[in-house]
Amino acid sequence: MARRYLVIRTDRTRRDFILRELEQGRLRQGWGWKRDHDLRLLAPQVRSRKLSDEEARVWRNRRLLDTEPDGLKKGDVIVIPNLPEQGRWVLARVTGGYDFSPVRVQEGAGPDYGHIVTVSPIREPSGKIGVVEADNERVDARLRATMRNPSRMWAIDALGSAVEALIDAIEAGKDTHTPEPEVQKAEGFFEAMRQAAWQHIKQKYEGAEFEHLVRRLLECIYKDGRVEHWGGAGEKGADLIVFTRDPLGIEYKIAVQVKLHQGTEDDTTALSQIKQAREYHKVDAGVVVTTAEQMSEAFQARREALEEELGIDIRLVDRDEFVELVMAHLGKAKANVRDDVVDLLQRSTVTSELLESTPITDRVYEELQQIPMSKVQRAGLRVLHQNRGGGVHLIRVELPREAAEGTADQAARDIAAYLERLAPQARGRQTEASYNAGSGTSTTHLDLTLELAR
């Protein structure tokens, strides 16, 4: 039987434990804390009855079972990413079958990591477990690319020769753990850029404001499609919906959930909302954009299960990837933002009233985030638009008023200046400011009326 090659992710929060066990020839996997989780006991149940949710999650480890048709067999090779640390890999050969023996990793915690495959780590001539740096010159770029797969385990048989080349290099004592010098320098530069971009995003966007940034990004990615904002009451599972078409003109809908979270994403609410969007909006795919740094194993398992249940792809975009997308797409689009607004105005339809949460208002709202203002003003900022027909448009900005009576807010002055610069080719431009006091809150209304050539 031909040798198989697989990538198997392990628990990144227990790297030291996983590595110690690997030194002893045991590759351990989580979701195995009680006797009923033994895959050998679960296998007959799969064929005789429907599994419970817990059992189904455990059964996703089935490829560890050597009796499964696509399970691990003696001689197969495993690539274990992010071990001993992020961005590095360890390789191992399967030398035996499956066993089950939960262990208590730390005092006060319950047993887990009961799934065991007997392996032999690939070692250097010194006997030390070999480590592969993803950016090492000996690493095939296709191996780096496949590590973006968020699944728990997947086959990479097509890359078998690239894996064998790494095994030969490790066993021959060649360097596989040092990044290429230029790559190392470039990565440091881009990491500094990513951190700076993230700090800017964190300071400028709070709550629903972040949805406007994501919308702007998606509009740049899907240039020939459109993005609708649904966030808030009545969203039915979608903060945003992307409408795009394939080369044959068939339209597809993508539900997007946006979450401002930190650390490890473990809240599966977004996935439940994607399910609701599938049922209500009939979307063809789902995307969860989160500012969390990584996804928990339970979150990944729930995503995989939901993909199978709904029959659609569900893509996860974490903080690092989101920042990279912003840098790649919004950086190029920035210089053309005014032209984009004019284009959106010209494409809008005539309405009888001012509207909020349209492509035009979202675009202007995004630009206004660059203007210094208080948290109260930023939270209460609203942008509305009305196409009055005949090329005439009204753009209104509403801003909570904080200055004393008879004086103008600095933020209001800056917004008025921005509106004056908007669409400079327009005719009949007029900007007016008014004040509305009611329910204990005073609001500044800044109205821009302009006429575009038809």
Protein backbone atom coordinates (compact mmCIF):
# COMPACT_ATOMS: atom_id res chain seq x y z
CA MET A 1 0.00 0.00 0.00
CA ALA A 2 1.31 3.47 -0.91
CA ARG A 3 2.59 5.67 1.86
CA ARG A 4 0.20 8.44 2.86
CA TYR A 5 1.07 11.99 3.94
CA LEU A 6 -1.13 13.99 6.31
CA VAL A 7 -1.11 17.24 8.25
CA ILE A 8 -2.51 16.90 11.78
CA ARG A 9 -3.05 19.95 13.96
CA THR A 10 -2.64 19.59 17.71
CA ASP A 11 -3.69 21.80 20.61
CA ARG A 12 -1.53 24.95 20.46
CA THR A 13 -2.31 25.70 24.11
CA ARG A 14 -0.58 22.46 25.19
CA ARG A 15 2.53 22.54 23.01
CA ASP A 16 4.94 21.52 25.79
CA PHE A 17 2.79 18.53 26.71
CA ILE A 18 2.32 17.46 23.08
CA LEU A 19 6.08 17.69 22.47
CA ARG A 20 6.93 15.68 25.61
CA GLU A 21 4.54 12.95 24.53
CA LEU A 22 5.99 13.02 21.02
CA GLU A 23 9.45 12.42 22.50
CA GLN A 24 7.99 9.22 23.98
CA GLY A 25 6.61 8.13 20.61
CA ARG A 26 3.00 9.16 21.28
CA LEU A 27 1.09 11.62 19.12
CA ARG A 28 -1.89 12.72 21.20
CA GLN A 29 -5.09 14.36 20.01
CA GLY A 30 -7.84 16.02 22.02
CA TRP A 31 -11.59 15.36 22.18
CA GLY A 32 -11.02 12.14 24.07
CA TRP A 33 -11.66 12.24 27.80
CA LYS A 34 -13.90 9.25 28.57
CA ARG A 35 -14.05 5.60 27.60
CA ASP A 36 -16.94 6.13 25.16
CA HIS A 37 -14.64 8.36 23.07
CA ASP A 38 -12.42 5.41 22.14
CA LEU A 39 -12.64 5.39 18.34
CA ARG A 40 -12.54 1.58 18.32
CA LEU A 41 -15.73 1.51 20.39
CA LEU A 42 -17.33 4.30 18.40
CA ALA A 43 -16.70 2.80 14.94
CA PRO A 44 -19.45 0.10 15.17
CA GLN A 45 -21.93 2.74 16.42
CA VAL A 46 -21.40 4.85 13.30
CA ARG A 47 -22.83 2.10 11.15
CA SER A 48 -25.78 1.27 13.40
CA ARG A 49 -27.18 4.58 14.66
CA LYS A 50 -26.96 8.36 14.44
CA LEU A 51 -24.21 9.77 16.61
CA SER A 52 -24.84 12.43 19.24
CA ASP A 53 -23.27 15.86 18.73
CA GLU A 54 -20.47 14.99 21.15
CA GLU A 55 -19.82 11.65 19.46
CA ALA A 56 -19.81 13.28 16.03
CA ARG A 57 -17.11 15.70 17.14
CA VAL A 58 -15.04 12.85 18.55
CA TRP A 59 -15.51 10.84 15.34
CA ARG A 60 -13.80 13.59 13.34
CA ASN A 61 -10.60 12.05 14.69
CA ARG A 62 -11.47 8.83 12.86
CA ARG A 63 -8.44 8.99 10.55
CA LEU A 64 -6.29 8.22 13.59
CA LEU A 65 -7.90 4.78 13.52
CA ASP A 66 -5.86 2.35 11.41
CA THR A 67 -8.95 0.27 10.59
CA GLU A 68 -10.55 3.14 8.68
CA PRO A 69 -10.04 3.00 4.87
CA ASP A 70 -8.29 6.39 4.88
CA GLY A 71 -6.89 6.01 8.40
CA LEU A 72 -3.24 6.20 9.39
CA LYS A 73 -1.19 3.10 8.60
CA LYS A 74 2.30 2.05 9.62
CA GLY A 75 4.80 3.92 7.45
CA ASP A 76 2.62 6.97 6.81
CA VAL A 77 4.16 10.39 7.47
CA ILE A 78 2.59 13.14 9.56
CA VAL A 79 3.40 16.87 9.45
CA ILE A 80 2.51 18.59 12.74
CA PRO A 81 2.29 22.39 12.29
CA ASN A 82 2.97 25.07 14.93
CA LEU A 83 5.20 22.78 16.99
CA PRO A 84 7.35 23.46 18.96
CA GLU A 85 6.16 27.03 18.27
CA GLN A 86 4.11 29.08 15.81
CA GLY A 87 5.37 28.88 12.22
CA ARG A 88 7.45 25.73 12.77
CA TRP A 89 6.70 22.08 12.06
CA VAL A 90 7.67 18.65 13.34
CA LEU A 91 7.50 15.50 11.18
CA ALA A 92 6.87 11.92 12.33
CA ARG A 93 6.48 8.42 10.85
CA VAL A 94 3.61 6.21 12.01
CA THR A 95 5.11 3.11 13.61
CA GLY A 96 2.08 1.49 15.22
CA GLY A 97 -1.67 1.46 15.60
CA TYR A 98 -4.23 3.47 17.52
CA ASP A 99 -4.67 3.40 21.29
CA PHE A 100 -6.83 5.29 23.78
CA SER A 101 -5.68 6.49 27.18
CA PRO A 102 -6.84 9.89 28.52
CA VAL A 103 -4.39 11.78 30.69
CA ARG A 104 -4.70 14.67 33.15
CA VAL A 105 -2.45 17.44 31.79
CA GLN A 106 -2.58 19.75 34.79
CA GLU A 107 -3.88 19.72 38.33
CA GLY A 108 -7.51 20.73 38.57
CA ALA A 109 -8.27 19.91 34.94
CA GLY A 110 -10.12 16.86 33.74
CA PRO A 111 -8.52 14.12 31.63
CA ASP A 112 -8.28 14.54 27.84
CA TYR A 113 -6.02 13.85 24.85
CA GLY A 114 -6.91 10.17 24.98
CA HIS A 115 -6.42 9.48 21.25
CA ILE A 116 -2.92 8.12 20.66
CA VAL A 117 -1.03 7.10 17.52
CA THR A 118 2.35 5.43 17.93
CA VAL A 119 4.91 7.42 15.97
CA SER A 120 8.63 7.99 15.58
CA PRO A 121 9.58 11.67 15.23
CA ILE A 122 12.04 12.51 12.45
CA ARG A 123 15.32 13.24 14.22
CA GLU A 124 18.65 14.87 13.48
CA PRO A 125 21.82 12.73 13.64
CA SER A 126 22.27 14.02 17.21
CA GLY A 127 18.97 12.41 18.21
CA LYS A 128 17.16 15.71 18.65
CA ILE A 129 13.72 16.02 17.09
CA GLY A 130 14.08 17.89 13.81
CA VAL A 131 12.30 21.22 13.45
CA VAL A 132 11.25 22.78 10.14
CA GLU A 133 10.96 26.55 9.81
CA ALA A 134 8.17 27.34 7.33
CA ASP A 135 10.34 29.97 5.59
CA ASN A 136 13.42 27.78 5.36
CA GLU A 137 14.96 27.59 1.89
CA ARG A 138 14.31 23.82 1.74
CA VAL A 139 10.54 24.17 2.23
CA ASP A 140 8.38 23.86 -0.87
CA ALA A 141 6.09 26.91 -1.20
CA ARG A 142 3.14 24.54 -1.72
CA LEU A 143 3.68 23.17 1.78
CA ARG A 144 3.51 26.68 3.23
CA ALA A 145 0.32 27.30 1.26
CA THR A 146 -1.45 24.15 2.46
CA MET A 147 -0.89 25.16 6.10
CA ARG A 148 -3.57 27.85 5.62
CA ASN A 149 -6.13 25.03 5.67
CA PRO A 150 -8.05 25.49 8.97
CA SER A 151 -9.07 21.81 9.22
CA ARG A 152 -7.95 19.53 12.03
CA MET A 153 -6.32 17.04 9.65
CA TRP A 154 -6.03 16.67 5.88
CA ALA A 155 -4.15 14.64 3.28
CA ILE A 156 -1.20 16.08 1.34
CA ASP A 157 -0.27 13.02 -0.72
CA ALA A 158 0.44 15.23 -3.75
CA LEU A 159 3.22 16.89 -1.74
CA GLY A 160 4.81 13.63 -0.63
CA SER A 161 8.09 14.29 -2.46
CA ALA A 162 8.40 17.72 -0.78
CA VAL A 163 7.89 16.10 2.65
CA GLU A 164 10.42 13.35 1.89
CA ALA A 165 12.96 16.01 0.90
CA LEU A 166 12.57 17.58 4.35
CA ILE A 167 12.96 14.18 6.04
CA ASP A 168 16.18 13.52 4.10
CA ALA A 169 17.51 16.97 5.04
CA ILE A 170 16.75 16.52 8.76
CA GLU A 171 18.23 13.03 8.95
CA ALA A 172 21.33 14.23 7.08
CA GLY A 173 21.84 17.01 9.62
CA LYS A 174 21.11 19.84 7.18
CA ASP A 175 19.63 23.14 8.38
CA THR A 176 15.83 23.16 8.17
CA HIS A 177 15.14 25.48 11.09
CA THR A 178 16.62 28.82 9.95
CA PRO A 179 14.57 31.24 7.83
CA GLU A 180 16.13 32.62 4.70
CA PRO A 181 17.88 35.89 5.69
CA GLU A 182 15.96 38.07 3.25
CA VAL A 183 12.69 36.44 4.21
CA GLN A 184 13.50 37.06 7.85
CA LYS A 185 14.13 40.75 7.21
CA ALA A 186 11.05 41.14 5.05
CA GLU A 187 8.89 39.31 7.59
CA GLY A 188 10.06 41.65 10.34
CA PHE A 189 9.22 44.65 8.18
CA PHE A 190 5.77 43.38 7.26
CA GLU A 191 5.07 42.32 10.84
CA ALA A 192 5.80 45.89 11.97
CA MET A 193 3.43 47.18 9.28
CA ARG A 194 0.74 44.71 10.34
CA GLN A 195 1.07 45.75 13.98
CA ALA A 196 0.88 49.44 13.08
CA ALA A 197 -2.17 48.84 10.89
CA TRP A 198 -3.86 46.84 13.65
CA GLN A 199 -3.18 49.54 16.27
CA HIS A 200 -4.74 52.13 13.95
CA ILE A 201 -7.82 49.95 13.37
CA LYS A 202 -8.18 49.29 17.11
CA GLN A 203 -8.06 53.00 17.94
CA LYS A 204 -10.41 54.16 15.18
CA TYR A 205 -13.16 51.53 15.14
CA GLU A 206 -15.49 50.37 17.88
CA GLY A 207 -18.55 48.12 17.71
CA ALA A 208 -20.68 48.67 14.63
CA GLU A 209 -18.07 51.05 13.19
CA PHE A 210 -15.92 48.02 12.43
CA GLU A 211 -18.65 46.65 10.15
CA HIS A 212 -18.27 49.73 7.91
CA LEU A 213 -14.56 49.04 7.53
CA VAL A 214 -15.22 45.40 6.64
CA ARG A 215 -17.84 46.51 4.13
CA ARG A 216 -15.38 48.88 2.49
CA LEU A 217 -12.83 46.07 2.28
CA LEU A 218 -15.30 43.64 0.70
CA GLU A 219 -16.33 46.25 -1.86
CA CYS A 220 -12.68 46.48 -2.91
CA ILE A 221 -12.29 42.69 -3.05
CA TYR A 222 -15.56 42.16 -4.96
CA LYS A 223 -15.23 45.10 -7.35
CA ASP A 224 -17.87 43.79 -9.76
CA GLY A 225 -20.30 42.76 -7.02
CA ARG A 226 -22.15 44.66 -4.33
CA VAL A 227 -22.18 44.57 -0.55
CA GLU A 228 -25.29 45.21 1.53
CA HIS A 229 -25.24 46.17 5.20
CA TRP A 230 -27.72 44.19 7.35
CA GLY A 231 -26.15 44.60 10.79
CA GLY A 232 -28.39 45.48 13.72
CA ALA A 233 -31.97 44.58 14.58
CA GLY A 234 -33.50 42.29 11.98
CA GLU A 235 -30.20 41.24 10.42
CA LYS A 236 -31.29 37.58 10.30
CA GLY A 237 -27.78 36.22 10.74
CA ALA A 238 -25.83 38.53 8.42
CA ASP A 239 -23.98 41.75 9.27
CA LEU A 240 -23.15 42.03 5.58
CA ILE A 241 -24.20 40.18 2.43
CA VAL A 242 -21.93 40.05 -0.62
CA PHE A 243 -23.58 39.58 -4.00
CA THR A 244 -21.18 38.37 -6.70
CA ARG A 245 -21.42 36.53 -10.03
CA ASP A 246 -19.38 33.77 -11.60
CA PRO A 247 -18.10 33.99 -15.23
CA LEU A 248 -21.45 32.65 -16.49
CA GLY A 249 -23.37 35.40 -14.72
CA ILE A 250 -24.84 33.20 -11.98
CA GLU A 251 -25.27 35.17 -8.76
CA TYR A 252 -23.96 33.95 -5.42
CA LYS A 253 -24.66 35.35 -1.96
CA ILE A 254 -22.16 35.30 0.89
CA ALA A 255 -23.20 36.01 4.49
CA VAL A 256 -20.58 37.82 6.56
CA GLN A 257 -20.48 37.95 10.35
CA VAL A 258 -18.16 40.52 11.93
CA LYS A 259 -16.82 40.05 15.47
CA LEU A 260 -14.54 42.34 17.50
CA HIS A 261 -13.02 39.68 19.75
CA GLN A 262 -9.61 39.12 21.32
CA GLY A 263 -7.34 36.16 22.02
CA THR A 264 -8.72 32.81 20.89
CA GLU A 265 -12.09 32.74 19.11
CA ASP A 266 -14.22 30.27 21.05
CA ASP A 267 -17.67 31.86 20.79
CA THR A 268 -19.66 29.91 18.20
CA THR A 269 -22.47 32.50 18.08
CA ALA A 270 -21.19 33.72 14.70
CA LEU A 271 -21.54 30.20 13.30
CA SER A 272 -25.11 29.95 14.57
CA GLN A 273 -25.80 33.27 12.86
CA ILE A 274 -24.36 31.95 9.59
CA LYS A 275 -26.79 29.06 9.89
CA GLN A 276 -29.65 31.55 10.36
CA ALA A 277 -28.46 33.51 7.31
CA ARG A 278 -28.46 30.30 5.28
CA GLU A 279 -32.07 29.66 6.24
CA TYR A 280 -33.37 33.23 5.89
CA HIS A 281 -31.23 34.79 3.15
CA LYS A 282 -30.51 31.54 1.26
CA VAL A 283 -26.80 32.38 1.11
CA ASP A 284 -24.35 30.15 -0.76
CA ALA A 285 -21.40 30.58 1.61
CA GLY A 286 -20.47 32.14 4.94
CA VAL A 287 -17.54 34.20 6.20
CA VAL A 288 -16.67 35.00 9.82
CA VAL A 289 -14.34 38.00 10.15
CA THR A 290 -12.93 38.20 13.65
CA THR A 291 -10.20 40.24 15.30
CA ALA A 292 -9.33 37.22 17.46
CA GLU A 293 -5.80 35.96 16.90
CA GLN A 294 -6.71 32.32 16.41
CA MET A 295 -9.60 29.85 16.47
CA SER A 296 -10.08 27.26 19.20
CA GLU A 297 -10.22 23.59 18.33
CA ALA A 298 -13.88 23.49 19.43
CA PHE A 299 -14.68 26.43 17.14
CA GLN A 300 -12.97 24.73 14.20
CA ALA A 301 -14.84 21.50 14.92
CA ARG A 302 -18.17 23.35 15.00
CA ARG A 303 -17.33 25.08 11.70
CA GLU A 304 -16.52 21.77 10.03
CA ALA A 305 -19.72 20.21 11.35
CA LEU A 306 -21.80 23.17 10.17
CA GLU A 307 -20.24 23.02 6.70
CA GLU A 308 -21.35 19.41 6.45
CA GLU A 309 -24.80 20.18 7.85
CA LEU A 310 -25.52 23.16 5.58
CA GLY A 311 -23.60 21.97 2.52
CA ILE A 312 -21.76 25.31 2.14
CA ASP A 313 -18.24 26.62 2.67
CA ILE A 314 -17.65 28.70 5.80
CA ARG A 315 -14.46 30.76 5.67
CA LEU A 316 -12.73 32.12 8.77
CA VAL A 317 -10.67 35.32 8.62
CA ASP A 318 -8.65 36.03 11.77
CA ARG A 319 -6.90 39.24 12.82
CA ASP A 320 -3.64 38.69 10.92
CA GLU A 321 -5.35 37.81 7.66
CA PHE A 322 -7.83 40.68 8.01
CA VAL A 323 -5.03 43.21 8.51
CA GLU A 324 -3.18 41.80 5.50
CA LEU A 325 -6.33 42.11 3.38
CA VAL A 326 -6.82 45.70 4.52
CA MET A 327 -3.22 46.53 3.61
CA ALA A 328 -3.47 44.80 0.24
CA HIS A 329 -6.84 46.20 -0.88
CA LEU A 330 -7.76 49.36 1.01
CA GLY A 331 -4.30 50.87 0.64
CA LYS A 332 -4.72 50.88 -3.15
CA ALA A 333 -8.28 52.13 -3.00
CA LYS A 334 -7.60 55.10 -0.70
CA ALA A 335 -6.39 57.48 -3.42
CA ASN A 336 -9.59 57.02 -5.42
CA VAL A 337 -12.14 57.34 -2.64
CA ARG A 338 -13.63 60.64 -3.90
CA ASP A 339 -14.11 59.26 -7.39
CA ASP A 340 -15.74 56.22 -5.80
CA VAL A 341 -18.25 58.42 -3.95
CA VAL A 342 -19.18 60.25 -7.16
CA ASP A 343 -19.62 56.93 -8.92
CA LEU A 344 -21.87 55.68 -6.11
CA LEU A 345 -23.93 58.86 -6.22
CA GLN A 346 -24.44 58.52 -9.95
CA ARG A 347 -25.47 54.86 -9.61
CA SER A 348 -27.94 55.46 -6.76
CA THR A 349 -31.70 55.40 -7.31
CA VAL A 350 -34.13 58.26 -6.66
CA THR A 351 -35.75 58.11 -3.20
CA SER A 352 -38.48 60.09 -1.44
CA GLU A 353 -36.61 60.29 1.87
CA LEU A 354 -33.18 60.27 3.44
CA LEU A 355 -31.72 56.78 3.80
CA GLU A 356 -29.03 55.34 6.08
CA SER A 357 -26.78 52.28 5.60
CA THR A 358 -26.40 52.57 1.83
CA PRO A 359 -23.16 52.18 -0.16
CA ILE A 360 -22.88 56.00 -0.27
CA THR A 361 -23.45 56.62 3.44
CA ASP A 362 -21.13 53.78 4.41
CA ARG A 363 -18.39 55.22 2.20
CA VAL A 364 -18.75 58.74 3.62
CA TYR A 365 -19.00 57.32 7.16
CA GLU A 366 -15.72 55.49 6.62
CA GLU A 367 -13.99 58.68 5.51
CA LEU A 368 -15.33 60.62 8.50
CA GLN A 369 -13.60 58.16 10.86
CA GLN A 370 -10.35 60.00 10.07
CA ILE A 371 -11.69 63.20 11.69
CA PRO A 372 -10.85 63.66 15.40
CA MET A 373 -13.97 63.63 17.60
CA SER A 374 -15.05 62.49 21.04
CA LYS A 375 -16.27 58.98 21.77
CA VAL A 376 -19.79 60.33 22.30
CA GLN A 377 -19.75 62.03 18.92
CA ARG A 378 -18.26 59.02 17.16
CA ALA A 379 -20.86 56.72 18.69
CA GLY A 380 -23.72 59.05 17.66
CA LEU A 381 -22.40 59.91 14.19
CA ARG A 382 -24.93 59.25 11.41
CA VAL A 383 -24.73 59.72 7.64
CA LEU A 384 -27.85 59.84 5.43
CA HIS A 385 -28.35 60.32 1.69
CA GLN A 386 -31.20 61.16 -0.66
CA ASN A 387 -31.11 61.09 -4.46
CA ARG A 388 -33.69 63.77 -5.31
CA GLY A 389 -33.57 63.11 -9.04
CA GLY A 390 -32.24 65.27 -11.84
CA GLY A 391 -28.68 64.71 -10.59
CA VAL A 392 -29.42 66.49 -7.28
CA HIS A 393 -28.25 64.82 -4.06
CA LEU A 394 -28.50 65.63 -0.37
CA ILE A 395 -25.93 64.21 2.06
CA ARG A 396 -26.67 64.84 5.72
CA VAL A 397 -24.27 64.24 8.61
CA GLU A 398 -25.74 64.19 12.13
CA LEU A 399 -23.34 64.72 15.03
CA PRO A 400 -24.02 65.00 18.80
CA ARG A 401 -23.29 68.60 19.78
CA GLU A 402 -20.80 69.18 22.63
CA ALA A 403 -19.79 72.86 22.21
CA ALA A 404 -21.47 75.63 24.17
CA GLU A 405 -24.43 77.43 22.65
CA GLY A 406 -23.38 80.03 20.08
CA THR A 407 -20.13 78.24 19.20
CA ALA A 408 -19.34 75.54 16.67
CA ASP A 409 -17.86 72.11 17.43
CA GLN A 410 -14.37 71.59 15.99
CA ALA A 411 -15.51 68.18 14.72
CA ALA A 412 -18.47 69.84 12.99
CA ARG A 413 -16.16 72.36 11.33
CA ASP A 414 -13.87 69.57 10.13
CA ILE A 415 -16.83 67.60 8.76
CA ALA A 416 -18.13 70.68 6.96
CA ALA A 417 -14.69 71.17 5.40
CA TYR A 418 -14.70 67.52 4.29
CA LEU A 419 -18.13 67.93 2.69
CA GLU A 420 -16.90 71.02 0.85
CA ARG A 421 -14.11 68.95 -0.70
CA LEU A 422 -16.40 66.06 -1.65
CA ALA A 423 -17.21 65.73 -5.36
CA PRO A 424 -15.47 68.97 -6.42
CA GLN A 425 -16.81 68.62 -9.99
CA ALA A 426 -20.40 69.01 -8.78
CA ARG A 427 -22.45 72.14 -9.53
CA GLY A 428 -24.76 74.15 -7.30
CA ARG A 429 -22.96 73.11 -4.12
CA GLN A 430 -24.43 74.35 -0.85
CA THR A 431 -23.51 73.40 2.72
CA GLU A 432 -25.79 74.32 5.61
CA ALA A 433 -25.54 73.73 9.35
CA SER A 434 -28.50 73.54 11.72
CA TYR A 435 -29.06 72.49 15.30
CA ASN A 436 -31.73 70.24 16.67
CA ALA A 437 -32.36 70.12 20.43
CA GLY A 438 -34.67 67.46 21.80
CA SER A 439 -34.92 64.82 24.56
CA GLY A 440 -31.97 66.46 26.31
CA THR A 441 -29.65 65.93 23.34
CA SER A 442 -28.46 68.63 20.95
CA THR A 443 -27.51 67.54 17.45
CA THR A 444 -25.67 69.31 14.66
CA HIS A 445 -27.05 68.68 11.16
CA LEU A 446 -24.63 69.34 8.29
CA ASP A 447 -26.38 69.21 4.90
CA LEU A 448 -24.54 69.13 1.58
CA THR A 449 -26.69 69.66 -1.51
CA LEU A 450 -24.98 69.18 -4.86
CA GLU A 451 -25.81 68.54 -8.50
CA LEU A 452 -23.91 66.12 -10.69
CA ALA A 453 -23.81 66.18 -14.48
CA ARG A 454 -26.10 63.50 -15.90
